[in-house]
Amino acid sequence: MNTTAASSLFADESVDLIFIDAGHKYDDVKADIIHYTPKLKPGSTMLFDDTEEKWPGVMQAVQNCSLAGELIAPSLWCHRKIN
């Protein structure tokens, strides 16, 4: 099953950690952000692999969706859900 379909297996605000490392095209990453961000519990973390110039779609989606966060390792973006 693709990542969008798999997101339906989780209730909103039920997941402590999500690691995004699937499609690297802008639309794929944006879809993962849209479908998985609601699944995060308050205070939980979403990580994005390949957030680097080699994968501009990943970088663009993270930036355009206004996900607050920071690089915590080379190419690894960390977003923490505050509330």
PDB file of N, CA and C in Angstrom:
ATOM      1  N   MET A   1       0.856  -1.165   0.000  1.00  0.00           N
ATOM      2  CA  MET A   1       0.000   0.000   0.000  1.00  0.00           C
ATOM      3  C   MET A   1       0.904   1.230   0.000  1.00  0.00           C
ATOM      4  N   ASN A   2       0.444   2.282  -0.624  1.00  0.00           N
ATOM      5  CA  ASN A   2       1.264   3.498  -0.651  1.00  0.00           C
ATOM      6  C   ASN A   2       1.132   4.251   0.672  1.00  0.00           C
ATOM      7  N   THR A   3       1.971   5.255   0.849  1.00  0.00           N
ATOM      8  CA  THR A   3       2.004   5.949   2.141  1.00  0.00           C
ATOM      9  C   THR A   3       0.707   6.681   2.449  1.00  0.00           C
ATOM     10  N   THR A   4       0.059   7.224   1.436  1.00  0.00           N
ATOM     11  CA  THR A   4      -1.205   7.926   1.668  1.00  0.00           C
ATOM     12  C   THR A   4      -2.262   6.956   2.192  1.00  0.00           C
ATOM     13  N   ALA A   5      -2.378   5.808   1.569  1.00  0.00           N
ATOM     14  CA  ALA A   5      -3.343   4.808   2.028  1.00  0.00           C
ATOM     15  C   ALA A   5      -2.976   4.306   3.422  1.00  0.00           C
ATOM     16  N   ALA A   6      -1.705   4.111   3.686  1.00  0.00           N
ATOM     17  CA  ALA A   6      -1.258   3.605   4.987  1.00  0.00           C
ATOM     18  C   ALA A   6      -1.585   4.571   6.121  1.00  0.00           C
ATOM     19  N   SER A   7      -1.636   5.855   5.826  1.00  0.00           N
ATOM     20  CA  SER A   7      -1.942   6.830   6.884  1.00  0.00           C
ATOM     21  C   SER A   7      -3.318   6.591   7.500  1.00  0.00           C
ATOM     22  N   SER A   8      -4.223   6.004   6.746  1.00  0.00           N
ATOM     23  CA  SER A   8      -5.575   5.747   7.264  1.00  0.00           C
ATOM     24  C   SER A   8      -5.587   4.659   8.342  1.00  0.00           C
ATOM     25  N   LEU A   9      -4.491   3.953   8.497  1.00  0.00           N
ATOM     26  CA  LEU A   9      -4.410   2.910   9.520  1.00  0.00           C
ATOM     27  C   LEU A   9      -4.183   3.474  10.922  1.00  0.00           C
ATOM     28  N   PHE A  10      -3.883   4.771  11.000  1.00  0.00           N
ATOM     29  CA  PHE A  10      -3.559   5.401  12.273  1.00  0.00           C
ATOM     30  C   PHE A  10      -4.591   6.473  12.610  1.00  0.00           C
ATOM     31  N   ALA A  11      -5.014   6.490  13.850  1.00  0.00           N
ATOM     32  CA  ALA A  11      -5.944   7.516  14.313  1.00  0.00           C
ATOM     33  C   ALA A  11      -5.206   8.841  14.462  1.00  0.00           C
ATOM     34  N   ASP A  12      -5.929   9.930  14.338  1.00  0.00           N
ATOM     35  CA  ASP A  12      -5.326  11.242  14.578  1.00  0.00           C
ATOM     36  C   ASP A  12      -4.788  11.306  16.004  1.00  0.00           C
ATOM     37  N   GLU A  13      -3.664  12.002  16.141  1.00  0.00           N
ATOM     38  CA  GLU A  13      -2.988  12.206  17.426  1.00  0.00           C
ATOM     39  C   GLU A  13      -2.716  10.892  18.162  1.00  0.00           C
ATOM     40  N   SER A  14      -2.254   9.876  17.410  1.00  0.00           N
ATOM     41  CA  SER A  14      -1.996   8.571  18.017  1.00  0.00           C
ATOM     42  C   SER A  14      -0.539   8.114  17.905  1.00  0.00           C
ATOM     43  N   VAL A  15       0.301   8.885  17.205  1.00  0.00           N
ATOM     44  CA  VAL A  15       1.653   8.422  16.909  1.00  0.00           C
ATOM     45  C   VAL A  15       2.693   9.348  17.555  1.00  0.00           C
ATOM     46  N   ASP A  16       3.715   8.740  18.157  1.00  0.00           N
ATOM     47  CA  ASP A  16       4.778   9.502  18.818  1.00  0.00           C
ATOM     48  C   ASP A  16       5.900   9.916  17.872  1.00  0.00           C
ATOM     49  N   LEU A  17       6.181   9.091  16.870  1.00  0.00           N
ATOM     50  CA  LEU A  17       7.291   9.354  15.955  1.00  0.00           C
ATOM     51  C   LEU A  17       6.921   8.883  14.556  1.00  0.00           C
ATOM     52  N   ILE A  18       7.144   9.766  13.581  1.00  0.00           N
ATOM     53  CA  ILE A  18       6.948   9.409  12.169  1.00  0.00           C
ATOM     54  C   ILE A  18       8.235   9.733  11.431  1.00  0.00           C
ATOM     55  N   PHE A  19       8.725   8.765  10.665  1.00  0.00           N
ATOM     56  CA  PHE A  19       9.933   8.941   9.874  1.00  0.00           C
ATOM     57  C   PHE A  19       9.535   8.896   8.405  1.00  0.00           C
ATOM     58  N   ILE A  20       9.664  10.031   7.711  1.00  0.00           N
ATOM     59  CA  ILE A  20       9.275  10.134   6.308  1.00  0.00           C
ATOM     60  C   ILE A  20      10.504   9.890   5.430  1.00  0.00           C
ATOM     61  N   ASP A  21      10.459   8.820   4.664  1.00  0.00           N
ATOM     62  CA  ASP A  21      11.542   8.482   3.736  1.00  0.00           C
ATOM     63  C   ASP A  21      10.952   7.630   2.622  1.00  0.00           C
ATOM     64  N   ALA A  22      10.067   8.230   1.848  1.00  0.00           N
ATOM     65  CA  ALA A  22       9.411   7.505   0.763  1.00  0.00           C
ATOM     66  C   ALA A  22       9.696   8.236  -0.548  1.00  0.00           C
ATOM     67  N   GLY A  23       8.647   8.676  -1.246  1.00  0.00           N
ATOM     68  CA  GLY A  23       8.844   9.408  -2.490  1.00  0.00           C
ATOM     69  C   GLY A  23       9.588  10.709  -2.256  1.00  0.00           C
ATOM     70  N   HIS A  24      10.415  11.089  -3.207  1.00  0.00           N
ATOM     71  CA  HIS A  24      11.233  12.291  -3.063  1.00  0.00           C
ATOM     72  C   HIS A  24      10.738  13.454  -3.926  1.00  0.00           C
ATOM     73  N   LYS A  25       9.663  13.229  -4.660  1.00  0.00           N
ATOM     74  CA  LYS A  25       9.084  14.306  -5.463  1.00  0.00           C
ATOM     75  C   LYS A  25       8.226  15.189  -4.568  1.00  0.00           C
ATOM     76  N   TYR A  26       8.146  16.454  -4.933  1.00  0.00           N
ATOM     77  CA  TYR A  26       7.409  17.439  -4.150  1.00  0.00           C
ATOM     78  C   TYR A  26       6.010  16.956  -3.785  1.00  0.00           C
ATOM     79  N   ASP A  27       5.238  16.522  -4.767  1.00  0.00           N
ATOM     80  CA  ASP A  27       3.855  16.117  -4.506  1.00  0.00           C
ATOM     81  C   ASP A  27       3.768  14.929  -3.553  1.00  0.00           C
ATOM     82  N   ASP A  28       4.714  14.002  -3.645  1.00  0.00           N
ATOM     83  CA  ASP A  28       4.717  12.845  -2.744  1.00  0.00           C
ATOM     84  C   ASP A  28       4.983  13.272  -1.304  1.00  0.00           C
ATOM     85  N   VAL A  29       5.976  14.128  -1.118  1.00  0.00           N
ATOM     86  CA  VAL A  29       6.329  14.587   0.228  1.00  0.00           C
ATOM     87  C   VAL A  29       5.208  15.446   0.805  1.00  0.00           C
ATOM     88  N   LYS A  30       4.644  16.318  -0.016  1.00  0.00           N
ATOM     89  CA  LYS A  30       3.539  17.162   0.452  1.00  0.00           C
ATOM     90  C   LYS A  30       2.355  16.298   0.889  1.00  0.00           C
ATOM     91  N   ALA A  31       2.046  15.253   0.123  1.00  0.00           N
ATOM     92  CA  ALA A  31       0.951  14.347   0.495  1.00  0.00           C
ATOM     93  C   ALA A  31       1.245  13.664   1.828  1.00  0.00           C
ATOM     94  N   ASP A  32       2.498  13.248   2.040  1.00  0.00           N
ATOM     95  CA  ASP A  32       2.860  12.631   3.321  1.00  0.00           C
ATOM     96  C   ASP A  32       2.682  13.629   4.461  1.00  0.00           C
ATOM     97  N   ILE A  33       3.082  14.872   4.245  1.00  0.00           N
ATOM     98  CA  ILE A  33       2.921  15.900   5.279  1.00  0.00           C
ATOM     99  C   ILE A  33       1.443  16.094   5.600  1.00  0.00           C
ATOM    100  N   ILE A  34       0.626  16.239   4.575  1.00  0.00           N
ATOM    101  CA  ILE A  34      -0.807  16.471   4.766  1.00  0.00           C
ATOM    102  C   ILE A  34      -1.468  15.302   5.495  1.00  0.00           C
ATOM    103  N   HIS A  35      -1.109  14.079   5.111  1.00  0.00           N
ATOM    104  CA  HIS A  35      -1.780  12.906   5.678  1.00  0.00           C
ATOM    105  C   HIS A  35      -1.224  12.464   7.036  1.00  0.00           C
ATOM    106  N   TYR A  36       0.045  12.736   7.293  1.00  0.00           N
ATOM    107  CA  TYR A  36       0.640  12.240   8.533  1.00  0.00           C
ATOM    108  C   TYR A  36       0.736  13.264   9.652  1.00  0.00           C
ATOM    109  N   THR A  37       0.785  14.541   9.362  1.00  0.00           N
ATOM    110  CA  THR A  37       0.871  15.537  10.431  1.00  0.00           C
ATOM    111  C   THR A  37      -0.281  15.405  11.428  1.00  0.00           C
ATOM    112  N   PRO A  38      -1.514  15.170  10.992  1.00  0.00           N
ATOM    113  CA  PRO A  38      -2.606  15.012  11.977  1.00  0.00           C
ATOM    114  C   PRO A  38      -2.450  13.768  12.861  1.00  0.00           C
ATOM    115  N   LYS A  39      -1.631  12.826  12.454  1.00  0.00           N
ATOM    116  CA  LYS A  39      -1.456  11.581  13.215  1.00  0.00           C
ATOM    117  C   LYS A  39      -0.545  11.772  14.428  1.00  0.00           C
ATOM    118  N   LEU A  40       0.217  12.872  14.440  1.00  0.00           N
ATOM    119  CA  LEU A  40       1.164  13.129  15.524  1.00  0.00           C
ATOM    120  C   LEU A  40       0.462  13.517  16.818  1.00  0.00           C
ATOM    121  N   LYS A  41       0.893  12.902  17.916  1.00  0.00           N
ATOM    122  CA  LYS A  41       0.449  13.334  19.238  1.00  0.00           C
ATOM    123  C   LYS A  41       1.102  14.677  19.551  1.00  0.00           C
ATOM    124  N   PRO A  42       0.475  15.498  20.384  1.00  0.00           N
ATOM    125  CA  PRO A  42       1.160  16.712  20.842  1.00  0.00           C
ATOM    126  C   PRO A  42       2.488  16.344  21.510  1.00  0.00           C
ATOM    127  N   GLY A  43       3.523  17.078  21.180  1.00  0.00           N
ATOM    128  CA  GLY A  43       4.843  16.820  21.734  1.00  0.00           C
ATOM    129  C   GLY A  43       5.632  15.755  20.999  1.00  0.00           C
ATOM    130  N   SER A  44       5.082  15.242  19.921  1.00  0.00           N
ATOM    131  CA  SER A  44       5.758  14.173  19.187  1.00  0.00           C
ATOM    132  C   SER A  44       6.598  14.729  18.034  1.00  0.00           C
ATOM    133  N   THR A  45       7.256  13.840  17.301  1.00  0.00           N
ATOM    134  CA  THR A  45       8.259  14.220  16.310  1.00  0.00           C
ATOM    135  C   THR A  45       7.994  13.584  14.956  1.00  0.00           C
ATOM    136  N   MET A  46       8.241  14.376  13.897  1.00  0.00           N
ATOM    137  CA  MET A  46       8.230  13.875  12.532  1.00  0.00           C
ATOM    138  C   MET A  46       9.591  14.188  11.925  1.00  0.00           C
ATOM    139  N   LEU A  47      10.248  13.160  11.406  1.00  0.00           N
ATOM    140  CA  LEU A  47      11.560  13.312  10.781  1.00  0.00           C
ATOM    141  C   LEU A  47      11.442  13.124   9.278  1.00  0.00           C
ATOM    142  N   PHE A  48      12.219  13.908   8.534  1.00  0.00           N
ATOM    143  CA  PHE A  48      12.258  13.815   7.078  1.00  0.00           C
ATOM    144  C   PHE A  48      13.679  13.522   6.645  1.00  0.00           C
ATOM    145  N   ASP A  49      13.876  12.382   5.988  1.00  0.00           N
ATOM    146  CA  ASP A  49      15.188  12.051   5.453  1.00  0.00           C
ATOM    147  C   ASP A  49      15.360  12.736   4.102  1.00  0.00           C
ATOM    148  N   ASP A  50      16.598  12.908   3.694  1.00  0.00           N
ATOM    149  CA  ASP A  50      16.952  13.454   2.374  1.00  0.00           C
ATOM    150  C   ASP A  50      16.527  14.901   2.176  1.00  0.00           C
ATOM    151  N   THR A  51      16.544  15.685   3.245  1.00  0.00           N
ATOM    152  CA  THR A  51      16.254  17.117   3.152  1.00  0.00           C
ATOM    153  C   THR A  51      17.558  17.818   2.787  1.00  0.00           C
ATOM    154  N   GLU A  52      17.859  17.784   1.493  1.00  0.00           N
ATOM    155  CA  GLU A  52      19.117  18.337   0.988  1.00  0.00           C
ATOM    156  C   GLU A  52      18.955  18.700  -0.488  1.00  0.00           C
ATOM    157  N   GLU A  53      19.903  19.448  -1.008  1.00  0.00           N
ATOM    158  CA  GLU A  53      19.825  19.942  -2.391  1.00  0.00           C
ATOM    159  C   GLU A  53      19.689  18.821  -3.409  1.00  0.00           C
ATOM    160  N   LYS A  54      20.230  17.662  -3.127  1.00  0.00           N
ATOM    161  CA  LYS A  54      20.126  16.520  -4.043  1.00  0.00           C
ATOM    162  C   LYS A  54      18.666  16.133  -4.279  1.00  0.00           C
ATOM    163  N   TRP A  55      17.799  16.426  -3.306  1.00  0.00           N
ATOM    164  CA  TRP A  55      16.375  16.096  -3.369  1.00  0.00           C
ATOM    165  C   TRP A  55      15.549  17.367  -3.169  1.00  0.00           C
ATOM    166  N   PRO A  56      15.476  18.230  -4.186  1.00  0.00           N
ATOM    167  CA  PRO A  56      14.778  19.509  -4.021  1.00  0.00           C
ATOM    168  C   PRO A  56      13.292  19.368  -3.696  1.00  0.00           C
ATOM    169  N   GLY A  57      12.665  18.294  -4.125  1.00  0.00           N
ATOM    170  CA  GLY A  57      11.247  18.103  -3.823  1.00  0.00           C
ATOM    171  C   GLY A  57      10.984  17.975  -2.343  1.00  0.00           C
ATOM    172  N   VAL A  58      11.885  17.294  -1.650  1.00  0.00           N
ATOM    173  CA  VAL A  58      11.742  17.137  -0.203  1.00  0.00           C
ATOM    174  C   VAL A  58      11.886  18.497   0.472  1.00  0.00           C
ATOM    175  N   MET A  59      12.935  19.222   0.104  1.00  0.00           N
ATOM    176  CA  MET A  59      13.184  20.538   0.705  1.00  0.00           C
ATOM    177  C   MET A  59      12.031  21.495   0.440  1.00  0.00           C
ATOM    178  N   GLN A  60      11.544  21.526  -0.792  1.00  0.00           N
ATOM    179  CA  GLN A  60      10.450  22.437  -1.155  1.00  0.00           C
ATOM    180  C   GLN A  60       9.181  22.130  -0.366  1.00  0.00           C
ATOM    181  N   ALA A  61       8.836  20.853  -0.266  1.00  0.00           N
ATOM    182  CA  ALA A  61       7.601  20.485   0.435  1.00  0.00           C
ATOM    183  C   ALA A  61       7.665  20.878   1.907  1.00  0.00           C
ATOM    184  N   VAL A  62       8.791  20.618   2.551  1.00  0.00           N
ATOM    185  CA  VAL A  62       8.944  20.974   3.958  1.00  0.00           C
ATOM    186  C   VAL A  62       8.828  22.486   4.125  1.00  0.00           C
ATOM    187  N   GLN A  63       9.474  23.238   3.247  1.00  0.00           N
ATOM    188  CA  GLN A  63       9.431  24.700   3.330  1.00  0.00           C
ATOM    189  C   GLN A  63       8.050  25.246   3.000  1.00  0.00           C
ATOM    190  N   ASN A  64       7.441  24.765   1.924  1.00  0.00           N
ATOM    191  CA  ASN A  64       6.145  25.291   1.484  1.00  0.00           C
ATOM    192  C   ASN A  64       4.997  24.945   2.436  1.00  0.00           C
ATOM    193  N   CYS A  65       5.139  23.873   3.178  1.00  0.00           N
ATOM    194  CA  CYS A  65       4.105  23.500   4.140  1.00  0.00           C
ATOM    195  C   CYS A  65       4.334  24.160   5.494  1.00  0.00           C
ATOM    196  N   SER A  66       5.350  24.987   5.570  1.00  0.00           N
ATOM    197  CA  SER A  66       5.649  25.768   6.779  1.00  0.00           C
ATOM    198  C   SER A  66       5.791  24.908   8.026  1.00  0.00           C
ATOM    199  N   LEU A  67       6.476  23.795   7.883  1.00  0.00           N
ATOM    200  CA  LEU A  67       6.740  22.965   9.047  1.00  0.00           C
ATOM    201  C   LEU A  67       7.911  23.538   9.825  1.00  0.00           C
ATOM    202  N   ALA A  68       7.637  23.968  11.014  1.00  0.00           N
ATOM    203  CA  ALA A  68       8.714  24.466  11.864  1.00  0.00           C
ATOM    204  C   ALA A  68       9.633  23.304  12.200  1.00  0.00           C
ATOM    205  N   GLY A  69      10.913  23.585  12.263  1.00  0.00           N
ATOM    206  CA  GLY A  69      11.850  22.539  12.616  1.00  0.00           C
ATOM    207  C   GLY A  69      13.266  22.941  12.305  1.00  0.00           C
ATOM    208  N   GLU A  70      14.131  21.932  12.272  1.00  0.00           N
ATOM    209  CA  GLU A  70      15.535  22.197  12.043  1.00  0.00           C
ATOM    210  C   GLU A  70      16.231  20.938  11.552  1.00  0.00           C
ATOM    211  N   LEU A  71      17.383  21.138  10.910  1.00  0.00           N
ATOM    212  CA  LEU A  71      18.237  20.016  10.559  1.00  0.00           C
ATOM    213  C   LEU A  71      18.912  19.541  11.841  1.00  0.00           C
ATOM    214  N   ILE A  72      18.807  18.266  12.129  1.00  0.00           N
ATOM    215  CA  ILE A  72      19.447  17.728  13.324  1.00  0.00           C
ATOM    216  C   ILE A  72      20.636  16.844  12.964  1.00  0.00           C
ATOM    217  N   ALA A  73      20.799  16.562  11.697  1.00  0.00           N
ATOM    218  CA  ALA A  73      21.936  15.810  11.145  1.00  0.00           C
ATOM    219  C   ALA A  73      21.952  16.134   9.657  1.00  0.00           C
ATOM    220  N   PRO A  74      23.043  15.871   8.984  1.00  0.00           N
ATOM    221  CA  PRO A  74      23.054  16.162   7.540  1.00  0.00           C
ATOM    222  C   PRO A  74      21.863  15.484   6.852  1.00  0.00           C
ATOM    223  N   SER A  75      21.041  16.263   6.230  1.00  0.00           N
ATOM    224  CA  SER A  75      19.859  15.858   5.449  1.00  0.00           C
ATOM    225  C   SER A  75      18.688  15.321   6.282  1.00  0.00           C
ATOM    226  N   LEU A  76      18.704  15.457   7.602  1.00  0.00           N
ATOM    227  CA  LEU A  76      17.612  14.957   8.437  1.00  0.00           C
ATOM    228  C   LEU A  76      16.905  16.125   9.129  1.00  0.00           C
ATOM    229  N   TRP A  77      15.668  16.428   8.666  1.00  0.00           N
ATOM    230  CA  TRP A  77      14.871  17.522   9.200  1.00  0.00           C
ATOM    231  C   TRP A  77      13.971  16.995  10.313  1.00  0.00           C
ATOM    232  N   CYS A  78      13.886  17.741  11.389  1.00  0.00           N
ATOM    233  CA  CYS A  78      13.085  17.344  12.537  1.00  0.00           C
ATOM    234  C   CYS A  78      12.013  18.393  12.800  1.00  0.00           C
ATOM    235  N   HIS A  79      10.749  17.946  12.814  1.00  0.00           N
ATOM    236  CA  HIS A  79       9.608  18.787  13.171  1.00  0.00           C
ATOM    237  C   HIS A  79       9.021  18.234  14.454  1.00  0.00           C
ATOM    238  N   ARG A  80       8.797  19.103  15.422  1.00  0.00           N
ATOM    239  CA  ARG A  80       8.163  18.681  16.684  1.00  0.00           C
ATOM    240  C   ARG A  80       6.803  19.369  16.792  1.00  0.00           C
ATOM    241  N   LYS A  81       5.790  18.557  16.980  1.00  0.00           N
ATOM    242  CA  LYS A  81       4.441  19.100  17.128  1.00  0.00           C
ATOM    243  C   LYS A  81       4.283  19.666  18.532  1.00  0.00           C
ATOM    244  N   ILE A  82       3.963  20.923  18.604  1.00  0.00           N
ATOM    245  CA  ILE A  82       3.874  21.597  19.899  1.00  0.00           C
ATOM    246  C   ILE A  82       2.546  21.317  20.582  1.00  0.00           C
ATOM    247  N   ASN A  83       1.449  21.479  19.873  1.00  0.00           N
ATOM    248  CA  ASN A  83       0.155  21.231  20.495  1.00  0.00           C
ATOM    249  C   ASN A  83      -0.795  20.585  19.551  1.00  0.00           C
TER     250      ASN A  83
END
